[in-house]
Amino acid sequence: MAEHPRTLAMTGLLAAGFALGVTALTLKVADGAHSALDTALSTATGFLFLLAGAVAHVRRPANPIGVLIALAGVAVFLEDLQFTPDPVLYTIAVPLRAASGPVIAHLVLAFPHGRLRSRWERLLVAASYLVVFGLGVLGLLFGDDPRDLLAVSAGHAGHGIADRVLELTATAISLGVIIVLLYRWLTGRLPQRRLLSPVIAIALSGALASGVGTALGDGHPLSEPLLQVYRILFCLWPLAFLAGVLRARVGNAEMIRLLLERDGTGLAALVQDDEVWKDSRSIDALNAAAGLVLDNQRLTAELEQRLAEVRASRARLVAAGDEERRRLERDLHDGAQQRLVSVVLLLRMTGRRYGGALPAEVRALLSGTVDELQTAITELRELARGIRPAILTEAGLVAAVRSLADRIPMEVALTVGTVPRLDAAVEATAYFVASEALTNALKHARTDDVVVRIAVEGAELRVEVRDAGVGGASLEGGTGLAGLRDRVEALGGELHVTSDDGGTTVRAAIPLRT
């Protein structure tokens, strides 16, 4: 809705500006007091402002900067209406003889956003409009030109004072505008500097040429050439504004850097930066890039949530498996194992009580049965210990690993740091890492020397089993080590296996759990 009235205003400015441009050109040519170069430069300046304003509006219709640029062109042509012989038109034109000054000050301070952002900028622009037009009316009241219909006193002194004050005010306003521009350039980001650089360069060069030419005086041979340089630079100024509008796009590196800031502040700052994003092509690029970033963040959040759910599920499976191991170990110990022990005791009692009355064959059979049952009990006890040794539950990880090392027919060097009682799942996982690594060394390493190290380091329990065997161990395939890796990773840990001709090293790092 805001763009439609602005488009109508732009259309009206362009139509009025074209008509005023033709009129101003006609008046200056008819006046005869102006050189061809001066006439050509002033006319070209006004039309270039109109053209730059039209292009800026088409390029960035949501930004009022295009209207301000076109308004500067209209103001340039309004100044030349003072050369009319018509008294009515002259009376209207005299207060506007410096109309381009406050408009251009407004344009420069509002560029490239299209609005004044600080109180000081608004005060400076308001003062320029008030002083310039106020002094214009004062000069009209005290003018001595016969075309002046509102002159109340033909006082040359009053007219001269108004002109002098007008010159000083224009100088002060120009100086203030240049200071604000320099401050904005020095404190701005790289995209803003790129936009302001052409405007500042022409402003400084024009101010320098005009100031030096005025200071040298009308009689100096360099005065007129310097003023011509100023007029040429002023003619190029609309192109500087247009270049800024056309370059109002952020660089790829700046876009990537800001969009990848995960806290969103960079993206928010970029969206609010009008000189960068109120451009149709740039806004499309921003929408596409922001969409990709937001989609990536959403997918990353979903993936992290899924991973957390998978880790929690695996941890629950490990805990459930450990609980089932404990239940099975208790059932074997308190059930089948105890019953077999009872049967052995009964058979031994039977042999002692009735052995003399039994045939030799029966006594041999009875003795063999007892031996077989004893072997079965031993194997059942080992099976229960492999499922989950009772000592692990009762005495902890260190005692269980030490008991395991004592039973292994190898030289096991056990190094243990300060290891307190830990979470049951952590202790069980660490025990089975040591058990599997020792079993593999016994079966495949072809060595009698194994080193086992257990220690708590920081927030992790570390288990290392190292042998000097032939190597060949691997986590790939369906080996026991692969299953251990899954178990360790289910608790958020890591399992690494290094195996070569110098031996095999199994390292596990398991986060402590409270």
Protein backbone atom coordinates (compact mmCIF):
# COMPACT_ATOMS: atom_id res chain seq x y z
CA MET A 1 0.00 0.00 0.00
CA ALA A 2 2.91 2.38 0.74
CA GLU A 3 4.54 1.77 -2.62
CA HIS A 4 1.54 2.92 -4.67
CA PRO A 5 1.46 6.56 -3.37
CA ARG A 6 5.24 6.71 -3.68
CA THR A 7 4.99 5.61 -7.31
CA LEU A 8 2.38 8.32 -7.95
CA ALA A 9 4.67 10.89 -6.29
CA MET A 10 7.56 9.75 -8.43
CA THR A 11 5.47 10.01 -11.58
CA GLY A 12 4.42 13.54 -10.63
CA LEU A 13 8.01 14.57 -9.85
CA LEU A 14 9.29 13.23 -13.14
CA ALA A 15 6.58 15.03 -15.11
CA ALA A 16 7.11 18.27 -13.21
CA GLY A 17 10.86 17.93 -13.41
CA PHE A 18 10.83 17.41 -17.17
CA ALA A 19 8.61 20.47 -17.67
CA LEU A 20 10.72 22.57 -15.31
CA GLY A 21 13.90 21.40 -17.02
CA VAL A 22 12.73 22.52 -20.43
CA THR A 23 11.54 25.83 -18.96
CA ALA A 24 14.80 26.43 -17.08
CA LEU A 25 16.89 25.68 -20.15
CA THR A 26 14.81 28.11 -22.20
CA LEU A 27 15.09 30.85 -19.57
CA LYS A 28 18.86 30.54 -19.16
CA VAL A 29 19.43 30.60 -22.90
CA ALA A 30 17.16 33.63 -23.24
CA ASP A 31 18.84 35.39 -20.32
CA GLY A 32 22.15 35.38 -22.17
CA ALA A 33 24.23 35.89 -19.03
CA HIS A 34 25.32 32.28 -18.76
CA SER A 35 27.96 30.44 -20.65
CA ALA A 36 27.06 27.44 -22.75
CA LEU A 37 29.03 25.17 -20.39
CA ASP A 38 27.23 26.48 -17.31
CA THR A 39 23.85 26.06 -18.98
CA ALA A 40 24.67 22.59 -20.22
CA LEU A 41 26.00 21.46 -16.83
CA SER A 42 23.07 22.78 -14.81
CA THR A 43 20.55 21.24 -17.21
CA ALA A 44 22.39 17.92 -17.32
CA THR A 45 22.60 17.89 -13.52
CA GLY A 46 18.85 18.29 -13.11
CA PHE A 47 17.98 15.63 -15.67
CA LEU A 48 20.56 13.22 -14.24
CA PHE A 49 18.97 13.59 -10.80
CA LEU A 50 15.57 12.81 -12.34
CA LEU A 51 16.97 9.78 -14.20
CA ALA A 52 18.81 8.48 -11.13
CA GLY A 53 15.68 8.91 -9.02
CA ALA A 54 13.57 6.97 -11.51
CA VAL A 55 16.08 4.11 -11.69
CA ALA A 56 16.42 4.03 -7.89
CA HIS A 57 12.65 3.84 -7.48
CA VAL A 58 12.34 1.00 -9.98
CA ARG A 59 15.20 -0.84 -8.36
CA ARG A 60 14.11 -0.28 -4.77
CA PRO A 61 10.44 0.75 -4.73
CA ALA A 62 10.10 0.23 -0.97
CA ASN A 63 12.82 2.80 -0.29
CA PRO A 64 11.95 6.54 -0.58
CA ILE A 65 15.49 7.38 -1.66
CA GLY A 66 14.43 7.43 -5.31
CA VAL A 67 11.83 10.14 -4.59
CA LEU A 68 14.47 12.24 -2.78
CA ILE A 69 16.92 11.94 -5.69
CA ALA A 70 14.24 13.03 -8.17
CA LEU A 71 13.20 15.87 -5.85
CA ALA A 72 16.80 17.14 -5.95
CA GLY A 73 16.52 17.36 -9.74
CA VAL A 74 13.28 19.31 -9.46
CA ALA A 75 14.96 21.67 -6.94
CA VAL A 76 17.86 22.29 -9.35
CA PHE A 77 15.44 23.40 -12.06
CA LEU A 78 13.39 25.52 -9.60
CA GLU A 79 16.51 27.62 -8.92
CA ASP A 80 16.71 28.64 -12.57
CA LEU A 81 13.17 30.06 -12.63
CA GLN A 82 14.62 33.29 -11.16
CA PHE A 83 15.80 34.18 -14.66
CA THR A 84 12.24 34.63 -15.91
CA PRO A 85 11.05 38.06 -17.06
CA ASP A 86 7.57 37.37 -15.72
CA PRO A 87 7.05 39.18 -12.35
CA VAL A 88 4.70 36.57 -10.92
CA LEU A 89 6.99 33.68 -11.72
CA TYR A 90 10.00 35.65 -10.50
CA THR A 91 8.31 36.41 -7.19
CA ILE A 92 7.65 32.71 -6.73
CA ALA A 93 11.17 31.71 -7.80
CA VAL A 94 13.25 34.06 -5.63
CA PRO A 95 12.69 32.16 -2.32
CA LEU A 96 13.67 29.00 -4.24
CA ARG A 97 16.93 30.31 -5.67
CA ALA A 98 18.89 27.94 -3.34
CA ALA A 99 16.27 25.17 -3.15
CA SER A 100 18.67 22.40 -4.10
CA GLY A 101 20.82 22.97 -0.98
CA PRO A 102 18.49 21.65 1.74
CA VAL A 103 17.07 18.97 -0.55
CA ILE A 104 20.52 17.61 -1.35
CA ALA A 105 21.49 17.81 2.33
CA HIS A 106 18.37 15.78 3.10
CA LEU A 107 19.24 13.32 0.34
CA VAL A 108 22.83 12.88 1.46
CA LEU A 109 21.93 12.30 5.11
CA ALA A 110 19.09 9.93 4.22
CA PHE A 111 21.13 7.95 1.71
CA PRO A 112 20.90 5.01 1.26
CA HIS A 113 18.15 4.21 3.79
CA GLY A 114 15.72 6.87 2.58
CA ARG A 115 15.11 8.18 6.09
CA LEU A 116 16.89 10.24 8.73
CA ARG A 117 17.91 7.93 11.55
CA SER A 118 19.14 10.28 14.28
CA ARG A 119 17.87 13.39 16.01
CA TRP A 120 20.93 15.37 14.92
CA GLU A 121 20.35 14.50 11.28
CA ARG A 122 16.71 15.59 11.53
CA LEU A 123 17.70 18.88 13.24
CA LEU A 124 20.35 19.59 10.60
CA VAL A 125 17.95 19.00 7.71
CA ALA A 126 15.12 20.97 9.33
CA ALA A 127 17.50 23.86 9.99
CA SER A 128 18.69 23.84 6.38
CA TYR A 129 15.13 24.01 5.02
CA LEU A 130 14.13 26.71 7.48
CA VAL A 131 17.17 28.92 7.01
CA VAL A 132 17.42 28.62 3.22
CA PHE A 133 13.75 29.27 2.51
CA GLY A 134 13.48 31.80 5.31
CA LEU A 135 16.37 33.82 3.94
CA GLY A 136 14.88 33.43 0.48
CA VAL A 137 11.68 35.11 1.65
CA LEU A 138 13.73 37.79 3.45
CA GLY A 139 15.63 38.52 0.24
CA LEU A 140 12.33 38.75 -1.61
CA LEU A 141 10.94 41.33 0.83
CA PHE A 142 14.05 43.53 0.64
CA GLY A 143 14.86 43.00 -3.02
CA ASP A 144 15.30 45.86 -5.50
CA ASP A 145 14.46 43.98 -8.68
CA PRO A 146 11.48 45.53 -10.51
CA ARG A 147 10.05 42.05 -11.06
CA ASP A 148 9.73 41.58 -7.29
CA LEU A 149 6.03 42.04 -6.52
CA LEU A 150 6.45 41.61 -2.72
CA ALA A 151 9.34 43.98 -2.09
CA VAL A 152 8.52 46.20 0.88
CA SER A 153 11.82 48.07 0.82
CA ALA A 154 14.34 48.39 -1.95
CA GLY A 155 17.21 48.12 0.51
CA HIS A 156 20.44 46.97 -1.02
CA ALA A 157 21.96 46.41 2.41
CA GLY A 158 19.19 44.06 3.51
CA HIS A 159 19.37 42.12 0.26
CA GLY A 160 23.17 41.84 0.51
CA ILE A 161 23.04 40.70 4.14
CA ALA A 162 20.50 38.01 3.24
CA ASP A 163 22.73 36.78 0.43
CA ARG A 164 25.80 36.74 2.67
CA VAL A 165 23.98 34.88 5.45
CA LEU A 166 22.66 32.46 2.85
CA GLU A 167 26.20 31.74 1.64
CA LEU A 168 27.50 31.23 5.19
CA THR A 169 24.56 28.99 6.05
CA ALA A 170 25.09 26.89 2.95
CA THR A 171 28.75 26.50 3.87
CA ALA A 172 27.94 25.49 7.44
CA ILE A 173 25.31 23.00 6.30
CA SER A 174 27.69 21.51 3.74
CA LEU A 175 30.37 21.15 6.42
CA GLY A 176 27.91 19.46 8.79
CA VAL A 177 26.73 17.07 6.09
CA ILE A 178 30.32 16.12 5.19
CA ILE A 179 31.18 15.49 8.86
CA VAL A 180 28.15 13.23 9.28
CA LEU A 181 29.03 11.37 6.09
CA LEU A 182 32.63 10.81 7.18
CA TYR A 183 31.53 9.59 10.61
CA ARG A 184 29.05 7.20 9.03
CA TRP A 185 31.69 5.90 6.63
CA LEU A 186 34.28 5.38 9.36
CA THR A 187 31.88 3.55 11.68
CA GLY A 188 29.94 1.61 9.04
CA ARG A 189 30.38 -1.93 7.85
CA LEU A 190 31.98 -2.81 4.55
CA PRO A 191 28.72 -2.84 2.47
CA GLN A 192 27.79 0.61 3.76
CA ARG A 193 31.26 1.97 3.02
CA ARG A 194 31.02 0.74 -0.55
CA LEU A 195 27.74 2.62 -0.98
CA LEU A 196 28.93 5.88 0.58
CA SER A 197 32.39 6.03 -1.00
CA PRO A 198 31.37 7.59 -4.38
CA VAL A 199 29.08 10.12 -2.69
CA ILE A 200 31.74 11.14 -0.17
CA ALA A 201 34.49 11.32 -2.78
CA ILE A 202 32.52 13.70 -5.00
CA ALA A 203 31.28 15.72 -2.02
CA LEU A 204 34.80 16.25 -0.66
CA SER A 205 36.26 17.01 -4.08
CA GLY A 206 33.49 19.47 -4.91
CA ALA A 207 33.69 21.17 -1.52
CA LEU A 208 37.46 21.51 -1.87
CA ALA A 209 37.22 22.98 -5.39
CA SER A 210 34.42 25.37 -4.45
CA GLY A 211 36.07 26.47 -1.22
CA VAL A 212 39.45 27.14 -2.79
CA GLY A 213 37.87 28.96 -5.75
CA THR A 214 35.80 31.18 -3.45
CA ALA A 215 38.78 31.88 -1.21
CA LEU A 216 40.96 32.94 -4.16
CA GLY A 217 38.41 35.55 -5.21
CA ASP A 218 36.87 36.45 -8.55
CA GLY A 219 40.03 38.04 -9.92
CA HIS A 220 42.31 35.06 -9.49
CA PRO A 221 43.03 33.08 -12.69
CA LEU A 222 42.35 29.74 -10.95
CA SER A 223 39.06 30.81 -9.44
CA GLU A 224 36.87 30.25 -12.48
CA PRO A 225 38.44 26.87 -13.45
CA LEU A 226 37.96 25.61 -9.89
CA LEU A 227 34.32 26.67 -9.94
CA GLN A 228 33.89 24.87 -13.25
CA VAL A 229 35.39 21.75 -11.66
CA TYR A 230 32.86 22.10 -8.86
CA ARG A 231 30.00 22.36 -11.38
CA ILE A 232 31.25 19.25 -13.21
CA LEU A 233 31.52 17.29 -9.97
CA PHE A 234 28.06 18.46 -8.95
CA CYS A 235 26.80 17.20 -12.31
CA LEU A 236 28.33 13.80 -11.56
CA TRP A 237 26.78 13.59 -8.11
CA PRO A 238 23.49 12.00 -9.30
CA LEU A 239 25.56 9.23 -10.86
CA ALA A 240 27.25 8.63 -7.49
CA PHE A 241 23.86 8.17 -5.83
CA LEU A 242 22.75 5.92 -8.67
CA ALA A 243 25.95 3.85 -8.36
CA GLY A 244 25.22 3.40 -4.67
CA VAL A 245 21.70 2.21 -5.41
CA LEU A 246 22.89 -0.23 -8.06
CA ARG A 247 25.61 -1.57 -5.75
CA ALA A 248 23.27 -1.95 -2.79
CA ARG A 249 23.90 -5.65 -2.45
CA VAL A 250 25.92 -7.40 0.19
CA GLY A 251 28.91 -9.43 -0.88
CA ASN A 252 28.79 -13.20 -0.84
CA ALA A 253 31.34 -13.47 1.97
CA GLU A 254 29.41 -10.99 4.12
CA MET A 255 26.14 -12.83 3.47
CA ILE A 256 27.61 -16.22 4.37
CA ARG A 257 29.29 -14.88 7.50
CA LEU A 258 26.14 -13.25 8.82
CA LEU A 259 23.75 -16.01 7.86
CA LEU A 260 25.88 -18.65 9.53
CA GLU A 261 25.78 -16.89 12.90
CA ARG A 262 23.73 -19.41 14.82
CA ASP A 263 22.41 -17.01 17.45
CA GLY A 264 20.43 -15.14 14.78
CA THR A 265 21.78 -11.67 15.62
CA GLY A 266 23.73 -11.40 12.39
CA LEU A 267 20.71 -12.38 10.33
CA ALA A 268 18.50 -9.92 12.22
CA ALA A 269 21.01 -7.09 11.69
CA LEU A 270 21.21 -7.93 8.01
CA VAL A 271 17.43 -7.89 7.59
CA GLN A 272 17.20 -4.50 9.30
CA ASP A 273 19.97 -3.01 7.16
CA ASP A 274 17.94 -1.13 4.55
CA GLU A 275 20.81 -0.08 2.35
CA VAL A 276 21.58 -3.73 1.78
CA TRP A 277 18.24 -5.48 1.60
CA LYS A 278 15.63 -3.10 0.21
CA ASP A 279 16.66 -4.24 -3.21
CA SER A 280 14.48 -6.72 -5.07
CA ARG A 281 17.30 -9.04 -6.14
CA SER A 282 19.05 -8.88 -2.78
CA ILE A 283 15.85 -9.56 -0.88
CA ASP A 284 15.26 -12.62 -3.05
CA ALA A 285 18.77 -13.83 -2.30
CA LEU A 286 18.22 -13.19 1.40
CA ASN A 287 14.94 -15.09 1.40
CA ALA A 288 16.57 -18.07 -0.30
CA ALA A 289 19.65 -18.05 1.94
CA ALA A 290 17.63 -17.51 5.11
CA GLY A 291 15.30 -20.33 4.09
CA LEU A 292 18.26 -22.66 3.69
CA VAL A 293 19.72 -21.62 7.04
CA LEU A 294 16.43 -22.02 8.87
CA ASP A 295 15.78 -25.38 7.22
CA ASN A 296 19.28 -26.48 8.15
CA GLN A 297 18.75 -25.38 11.75
CA ARG A 298 15.40 -27.17 11.91
CA LEU A 299 16.83 -30.36 10.45
CA THR A 300 19.84 -30.14 12.77
CA ALA A 301 17.56 -29.74 15.78
CA GLU A 302 15.44 -32.69 14.66
CA LEU A 303 18.55 -34.79 14.07
CA GLU A 304 19.96 -33.92 17.49
CA GLN A 305 16.64 -34.83 19.07
CA ARG A 306 16.55 -38.14 17.22
CA LEU A 307 20.15 -38.87 18.22
CA ALA A 308 19.34 -38.11 21.83
CA GLU A 309 16.37 -40.46 21.63
CA VAL A 310 18.53 -43.18 20.05
CA ARG A 311 21.21 -42.77 22.74
CA ALA A 312 18.60 -42.91 25.47
CA SER A 313 17.02 -45.97 23.87
CA ARG A 314 20.39 -47.73 23.58
CA ALA A 315 21.20 -46.88 27.18
CA ARG A 316 17.87 -48.33 28.26
CA LEU A 317 18.60 -51.48 26.26
CA VAL A 318 22.00 -51.83 27.93
CA ALA A 319 20.46 -51.30 31.36
CA ALA A 320 17.72 -53.81 30.57
CA GLY A 321 20.32 -56.30 29.32
CA ASP A 322 22.39 -55.87 32.49
CA GLU A 323 19.33 -56.36 34.64
CA GLU A 324 18.46 -59.47 32.69
CA ARG A 325 22.04 -60.75 33.15
CA ARG A 326 21.78 -60.21 36.91
CA ARG A 327 18.44 -62.00 37.02
CA LEU A 328 19.78 -64.92 34.98
CA GLU A 329 22.92 -65.13 37.12
CA ARG A 330 20.78 -65.20 40.29
CA ASP A 331 18.48 -67.83 38.80
CA LEU A 332 21.43 -70.04 37.85
CA HIS A 333 23.10 -69.59 41.22
CA ASP A 334 20.01 -69.96 43.37
CA GLY A 335 18.18 -72.43 41.12
CA ALA A 336 19.91 -74.97 38.88
CA GLN A 337 23.33 -74.67 40.51
CA GLN A 338 21.99 -75.22 44.03
CA ARG A 339 19.91 -78.18 42.92
CA LEU A 340 22.88 -79.81 41.23
CA VAL A 341 24.93 -79.28 44.39
CA SER A 342 22.13 -80.92 46.38
CA VAL A 343 22.12 -83.91 44.00
CA VAL A 344 25.90 -84.30 44.37
CA LEU A 345 25.58 -84.25 48.15
CA LEU A 346 22.80 -86.85 48.09
CA LEU A 347 24.78 -89.15 45.80
CA ARG A 348 27.85 -88.85 48.03
CA MET A 349 25.78 -89.62 51.10
CA THR A 350 24.29 -92.61 49.32
CA GLY A 351 27.73 -93.90 48.39
CA ARG A 352 29.04 -93.55 51.96
CA ARG A 353 25.95 -95.16 53.53
CA TYR A 354 25.28 -97.99 51.09
CA GLY A 355 28.55 -98.30 49.23
CA GLY A 356 29.56 -101.53 50.95
CA ALA A 357 26.35 -103.25 49.94
CA LEU A 358 26.51 -102.18 46.30
CA PRO A 359 28.22 -104.06 43.49
CA ALA A 360 31.53 -102.64 42.30
CA GLU A 361 30.01 -101.67 38.95
CA VAL A 362 27.29 -99.61 40.70
CA ARG A 363 29.84 -97.91 42.97
CA ALA A 364 31.97 -96.99 39.91
CA LEU A 365 28.89 -95.69 38.11
CA LEU A 366 27.86 -93.68 41.19
CA SER A 367 31.36 -92.16 41.49
CA GLY A 368 31.39 -91.26 37.79
CA THR A 369 27.99 -89.63 38.11
CA VAL A 370 29.22 -87.50 41.00
CA ASP A 371 32.26 -86.43 38.97
CA GLU A 372 30.13 -85.49 35.97
CA LEU A 373 27.76 -83.51 38.13
CA GLN A 374 30.72 -81.71 39.73
CA THR A 375 32.01 -80.84 36.28
CA ALA A 376 28.55 -79.58 35.31
CA ILE A 377 28.44 -77.40 38.44
CA THR A 378 31.85 -75.96 37.61
CA GLU A 379 30.83 -75.19 34.05
CA LEU A 380 27.55 -73.70 35.24
CA ARG A 381 29.43 -71.53 37.72
CA GLU A 382 31.73 -70.31 34.95
CA LEU A 383 28.72 -69.66 32.75
CA ALA A 384 27.07 -67.60 35.48
CA ARG A 385 30.33 -65.71 36.03
CA GLY A 386 30.54 -64.95 32.30
CA ILE A 387 26.99 -63.66 32.25
CA ARG A 388 27.70 -61.29 35.12
CA PRO A 389 30.12 -62.21 37.87
CA ALA A 390 28.74 -61.87 41.35
CA ILE A 391 31.95 -60.20 42.49
CA LEU A 392 31.28 -57.32 40.11
CA THR A 393 28.03 -56.56 41.87
CA GLU A 394 29.40 -57.15 45.35
CA ALA A 395 32.94 -55.75 45.24
CA GLY A 396 33.06 -53.53 42.15
CA LEU A 397 34.98 -53.26 38.90
CA VAL A 398 38.56 -53.45 40.19
CA ALA A 399 37.96 -56.60 42.23
CA ALA A 400 36.14 -58.25 39.32
CA VAL A 401 38.93 -57.48 36.83
CA ARG A 402 41.58 -58.63 39.31
CA SER A 403 39.68 -61.90 39.80
CA LEU A 404 39.44 -62.26 36.02
CA ALA A 405 43.19 -61.65 35.61
CA ASP A 406 43.98 -64.29 38.26
CA ARG A 407 41.99 -66.93 36.37
CA ILE A 408 43.57 -66.18 32.97
CA PRO A 409 46.58 -68.48 32.29
CA MET A 410 48.72 -65.50 31.23
CA GLU A 411 50.98 -62.91 32.84
CA VAL A 412 48.57 -60.01 33.36
CA ALA A 413 50.07 -56.71 34.62
CA LEU A 414 47.14 -54.84 36.16
CA THR A 415 47.52 -51.09 36.78
CA VAL A 416 44.63 -49.47 38.61
CA GLY A 417 44.18 -45.84 39.59
CA THR A 418 41.71 -44.55 42.13
CA VAL A 419 38.48 -46.07 40.89
CA PRO A 420 35.45 -45.69 43.16
CA ARG A 421 32.22 -47.60 42.83
CA LEU A 422 30.51 -46.45 39.66
CA ASP A 423 27.18 -46.80 37.96
CA ALA A 424 26.31 -50.46 37.41
CA ALA A 425 26.07 -50.07 33.62
CA VAL A 426 29.48 -48.35 33.47
CA GLU A 427 31.14 -51.02 35.62
CA ALA A 428 29.58 -53.86 33.63
CA THR A 429 30.61 -52.34 30.29
CA ALA A 430 34.18 -51.75 31.46
CA TYR A 431 34.39 -55.31 32.82
CA PHE A 432 33.21 -56.86 29.58
CA VAL A 433 35.70 -54.74 27.60
CA ALA A 434 38.52 -56.12 29.75
CA SER A 435 37.10 -59.65 29.63
CA GLU A 436 36.69 -59.71 25.84
CA ALA A 437 40.12 -58.19 25.23
CA LEU A 438 41.81 -60.69 27.58
CA THR A 439 39.92 -63.61 26.03
CA ASN A 440 40.98 -62.51 22.54
CA ALA A 441 44.59 -62.16 23.66
CA LEU A 442 44.48 -65.66 25.17
CA LYS A 443 43.01 -67.19 22.01
CA HIS A 444 44.74 -65.27 19.21
CA ALA A 445 47.65 -63.11 20.35
CA ARG A 446 50.19 -65.92 20.88
CA THR A 447 51.78 -64.11 23.77
CA ASP A 448 51.92 -64.53 27.52
CA ASP A 449 52.20 -60.83 28.44
CA VAL A 450 49.18 -58.53 28.71
CA VAL A 451 48.91 -55.11 30.33
CA VAL A 452 45.60 -53.88 31.71
CA ARG A 453 45.12 -50.28 32.85
CA ILE A 454 41.99 -48.92 34.52
CA ALA A 455 41.68 -45.30 35.65
CA VAL A 456 39.20 -42.47 36.08
CA GLU A 457 40.35 -39.42 34.10
CA GLY A 458 38.17 -36.36 34.35
CA ALA A 459 34.59 -37.37 33.67
CA GLU A 460 35.52 -40.64 31.96
CA LEU A 461 36.46 -44.15 32.95
CA ARG A 462 39.30 -45.39 30.75
CA VAL A 463 40.09 -49.05 30.20
CA GLU A 464 43.12 -50.14 28.18
CA VAL A 465 44.20 -53.72 27.40
CA ARG A 466 47.49 -54.10 25.48
CA ASP A 467 49.29 -57.24 24.36
CA ALA A 468 52.50 -57.82 22.41
CA GLY A 469 51.04 -60.50 20.15
CA VAL A 470 50.67 -60.98 16.43
CA GLY A 471 47.81 -58.52 15.96
CA GLY A 472 44.96 -59.04 13.55
CA ALA A 473 42.11 -57.84 15.79
CA SER A 474 39.38 -55.79 14.14
CA LEU A 475 36.12 -54.06 14.99
CA GLU A 476 34.61 -55.05 11.68
CA GLY A 477 32.26 -57.96 11.17
CA GLY A 478 30.37 -59.83 13.84
CA THR A 479 33.19 -60.11 16.37
CA GLY A 480 32.83 -59.67 20.08
CA LEU A 481 34.71 -56.38 19.84
CA ALA A 482 32.07 -55.01 17.47
CA GLY A 483 29.37 -55.83 19.99
CA LEU A 484 31.43 -54.16 22.72
CA ARG A 485 31.71 -51.03 20.61
CA ASP A 486 27.93 -50.84 20.36
CA ARG A 487 27.65 -51.32 24.11
CA VAL A 488 30.24 -48.61 24.85
CA GLU A 489 28.69 -46.15 22.39
CA ALA A 490 25.27 -46.79 23.90
CA LEU A 491 26.63 -45.11 27.05
CA GLY A 492 28.05 -42.22 25.04
CA GLY A 493 31.60 -43.60 25.03
CA GLU A 494 34.15 -44.62 22.44
CA LEU A 495 35.99 -47.87 21.74
CA HIS A 496 39.16 -47.95 19.64
CA VAL A 497 41.22 -50.93 18.56
CA THR A 498 44.77 -50.64 17.25
CA SER A 499 46.24 -53.87 15.94
CA ASP A 500 49.40 -54.56 13.94
CA ASP A 501 52.50 -56.75 14.03
CA GLY A 502 53.52 -55.15 17.32
CA GLY A 503 50.37 -56.27 19.12
CA THR A 504 46.84 -55.18 19.84
CA THR A 505 45.57 -52.35 22.02
CA VAL A 506 41.94 -52.00 23.00
CA ARG A 507 41.00 -48.61 24.49
CA ALA A 508 37.60 -47.67 25.87
CA ALA A 509 36.51 -44.28 27.23
CA ILE A 510 33.16 -44.40 29.03
CA PRO A 511 31.49 -41.27 30.47
CA LEU A 512 30.81 -41.51 34.20
CA ARG A 513 27.17 -41.61 35.18
CA THR A 514 25.69 -40.55 38.48
